[in-house]
Amino acid sequence: MTRNIQPNEQQSRYECEFREIRKLGEGGFGSVFLAKNLLDYNNNAVKKIKLNVADPFSRKVRKEVILLSSLNHPNIVRYYQSWIE
């Protein structure tokens, strides 16, 4: 089965590239979901965070993204990417 992995105007990147399996948990920044990547078929933990770019909270979230992208440690979950929709 071939699936289009390019988002269109009605479909978010997340909806296009992942199949959500179940909610894993939630915390102060947002909720984490187990999702299968439709390109490589790997399972991923995807953190969804609602942001208002004018809110100072969004600066904290961006700092976390920058920090996570620089970490490489066996006891820390590996960071792959982020995007805003």
C-alpha atoms as a PDB file:
ATOM      1  CA  MET A   1       0.000   0.000   0.000  1.00  0.00           C
ATOM      2  CA  THR A   2       1.406   3.395  -0.977  1.00  0.00           C
ATOM      3  CA  ARG A   3       0.591   6.280   1.296  1.00  0.00           C
ATOM      4  CA  ASN A   4       1.123   9.949   0.558  1.00  0.00           C
ATOM      5  CA  ILE A   5       3.492  11.301   3.204  1.00  0.00           C
ATOM      6  CA  GLN A   6       3.258  14.903   2.009  1.00  0.00           C
ATOM      7  CA  PRO A   7       0.819  16.956   4.119  1.00  0.00           C
ATOM      8  CA  ASN A   8      -1.884  18.843   2.291  1.00  0.00           C
ATOM      9  CA  GLU A   9      -3.808  21.907   3.454  1.00  0.00           C
ATOM     10  CA  GLN A  10      -6.325  19.829   5.431  1.00  0.00           C
ATOM     11  CA  GLN A  11      -3.820  17.428   6.962  1.00  0.00           C
ATOM     12  CA  SER A  12      -1.112  18.162   9.512  1.00  0.00           C
ATOM     13  CA  ARG A  13       2.393  16.775   9.194  1.00  0.00           C
ATOM     14  CA  TYR A  14       1.719  14.612  12.244  1.00  0.00           C
ATOM     15  CA  GLU A  15      -1.437  13.120  10.729  1.00  0.00           C
ATOM     16  CA  CYS A  16       0.346  12.499   7.455  1.00  0.00           C
ATOM     17  CA  GLU A  17       3.602  10.985   8.761  1.00  0.00           C
ATOM     18  CA  PHE A  18       2.463   9.096  11.892  1.00  0.00           C
ATOM     19  CA  ARG A  19      -0.247   6.695  13.001  1.00  0.00           C
ATOM     20  CA  GLU A  20      -1.114   7.426  16.619  1.00  0.00           C
ATOM     21  CA  ILE A  21      -1.319   4.236  18.650  1.00  0.00           C
ATOM     22  CA  ARG A  22      -2.058   5.404  22.192  1.00  0.00           C
ATOM     23  CA  LYS A  23      -1.422   8.057  24.803  1.00  0.00           C
ATOM     24  CA  LEU A  24       1.585   7.269  26.988  1.00  0.00           C
ATOM     25  CA  GLY A  25       1.241  10.061  29.527  1.00  0.00           C
ATOM     26  CA  GLU A  26       1.127  13.762  30.165  1.00  0.00           C
ATOM     27  CA  GLY A  27       3.081  16.366  32.041  1.00  0.00           C
ATOM     28  CA  GLY A  28       3.535  20.070  32.505  1.00  0.00           C
ATOM     29  CA  PHE A  29       4.474  20.791  28.898  1.00  0.00           C
ATOM     30  CA  GLY A  30       2.012  18.500  27.118  1.00  0.00           C
ATOM     31  CA  SER A  31       1.008  14.932  26.309  1.00  0.00           C
ATOM     32  CA  VAL A  32       3.151  12.101  24.929  1.00  0.00           C
ATOM     33  CA  PHE A  33       1.808   9.588  22.414  1.00  0.00           C
ATOM     34  CA  LEU A  34       3.134   6.338  21.005  1.00  0.00           C
ATOM     35  CA  ALA A  35       3.028   6.758  17.237  1.00  0.00           C
ATOM     36  CA  LYS A  36       4.276   4.678  14.318  1.00  0.00           C
ATOM     37  CA  ASN A  37       6.306   6.553  11.701  1.00  0.00           C
ATOM     38  CA  LEU A  38       4.730   5.661   8.359  1.00  0.00           C
ATOM     39  CA  LEU A  39       7.983   6.079   6.443  1.00  0.00           C
ATOM     40  CA  ASP A  40      10.368   3.857   8.460  1.00  0.00           C
ATOM     41  CA  TYR A  41       7.753   1.936  10.542  1.00  0.00           C
ATOM     42  CA  ASN A  42       9.570   2.720  13.808  1.00  0.00           C
ATOM     43  CA  ASN A  43       7.570   3.459  16.926  1.00  0.00           C
ATOM     44  CA  ASN A  44       8.171   6.941  18.329  1.00  0.00           C
ATOM     45  CA  ALA A  45       7.193   8.789  21.465  1.00  0.00           C
ATOM     46  CA  VAL A  46       5.727  12.072  20.211  1.00  0.00           C
ATOM     47  CA  LYS A  47       5.225  14.958  22.621  1.00  0.00           C
ATOM     48  CA  LYS A  48       2.390  17.310  21.642  1.00  0.00           C
ATOM     49  CA  ILE A  49       2.528  20.796  23.136  1.00  0.00           C
ATOM     50  CA  LYS A  50       0.011  23.579  22.534  1.00  0.00           C
ATOM     51  CA  LEU A  51       1.901  26.821  21.998  1.00  0.00           C
ATOM     52  CA  ASN A  52       1.064  30.450  21.644  1.00  0.00           C
ATOM     53  CA  VAL A  53       4.219  31.994  20.174  1.00  0.00           C
ATOM     54  CA  ALA A  54       3.474  35.308  21.949  1.00  0.00           C
ATOM     55  CA  ASP A  55       3.400  33.541  25.344  1.00  0.00           C
ATOM     56  CA  PRO A  56       6.666  33.525  27.355  1.00  0.00           C
ATOM     57  CA  PHE A  57       5.982  29.811  28.040  1.00  0.00           C
ATOM     58  CA  SER A  58       6.795  29.070  24.395  1.00  0.00           C
ATOM     59  CA  ARG A  59      10.339  30.329  25.025  1.00  0.00           C
ATOM     60  CA  LYS A  60      10.746  27.673  27.744  1.00  0.00           C
ATOM     61  CA  VAL A  61       9.549  24.994  25.346  1.00  0.00           C
ATOM     62  CA  ARG A  62      11.965  26.126  22.633  1.00  0.00           C
ATOM     63  CA  LYS A  63      14.813  26.051  25.168  1.00  0.00           C
ATOM     64  CA  GLU A  64      13.879  22.443  26.014  1.00  0.00           C
ATOM     65  CA  VAL A  65      13.926  21.531  22.304  1.00  0.00           C
ATOM     66  CA  ILE A  66      17.378  23.085  21.866  1.00  0.00           C
ATOM     67  CA  LEU A  67      18.698  21.299  24.973  1.00  0.00           C
ATOM     68  CA  LEU A  68      17.246  17.916  23.995  1.00  0.00           C
ATOM     69  CA  SER A  69      18.660  18.181  20.484  1.00  0.00           C
ATOM     70  CA  SER A  70      22.181  18.526  21.909  1.00  0.00           C
ATOM     71  CA  LEU A  71      22.013  15.620  24.389  1.00  0.00           C
ATOM     72  CA  ASN A  72      23.437  12.177  23.747  1.00  0.00           C
ATOM     73  CA  HIS A  73      23.191  10.001  26.865  1.00  0.00           C
ATOM     74  CA  PRO A  74      22.101   6.369  27.386  1.00  0.00           C
ATOM     75  CA  ASN A  75      19.679   7.371  30.186  1.00  0.00           C
ATOM     76  CA  ILE A  76      17.904  10.104  28.221  1.00  0.00           C
ATOM     77  CA  VAL A  77      15.339   9.431  25.503  1.00  0.00           C
ATOM     78  CA  ARG A  78      16.792  10.317  22.112  1.00  0.00           C
ATOM     79  CA  TYR A  79      15.463  13.447  20.451  1.00  0.00           C
ATOM     80  CA  TYR A  80      14.836  13.355  16.693  1.00  0.00           C
ATOM     81  CA  GLN A  81      12.986  16.464  15.549  1.00  0.00           C
ATOM     82  CA  SER A  82      10.349  19.078  16.209  1.00  0.00           C
ATOM     83  CA  TRP A  83       8.019  21.211  14.141  1.00  0.00           C
ATOM     84  CA  ILE A  84       5.238  23.740  14.624  1.00  0.00           C
ATOM     85  CA  GLU A  85       1.759  23.303  13.138  1.00  0.00           C
END
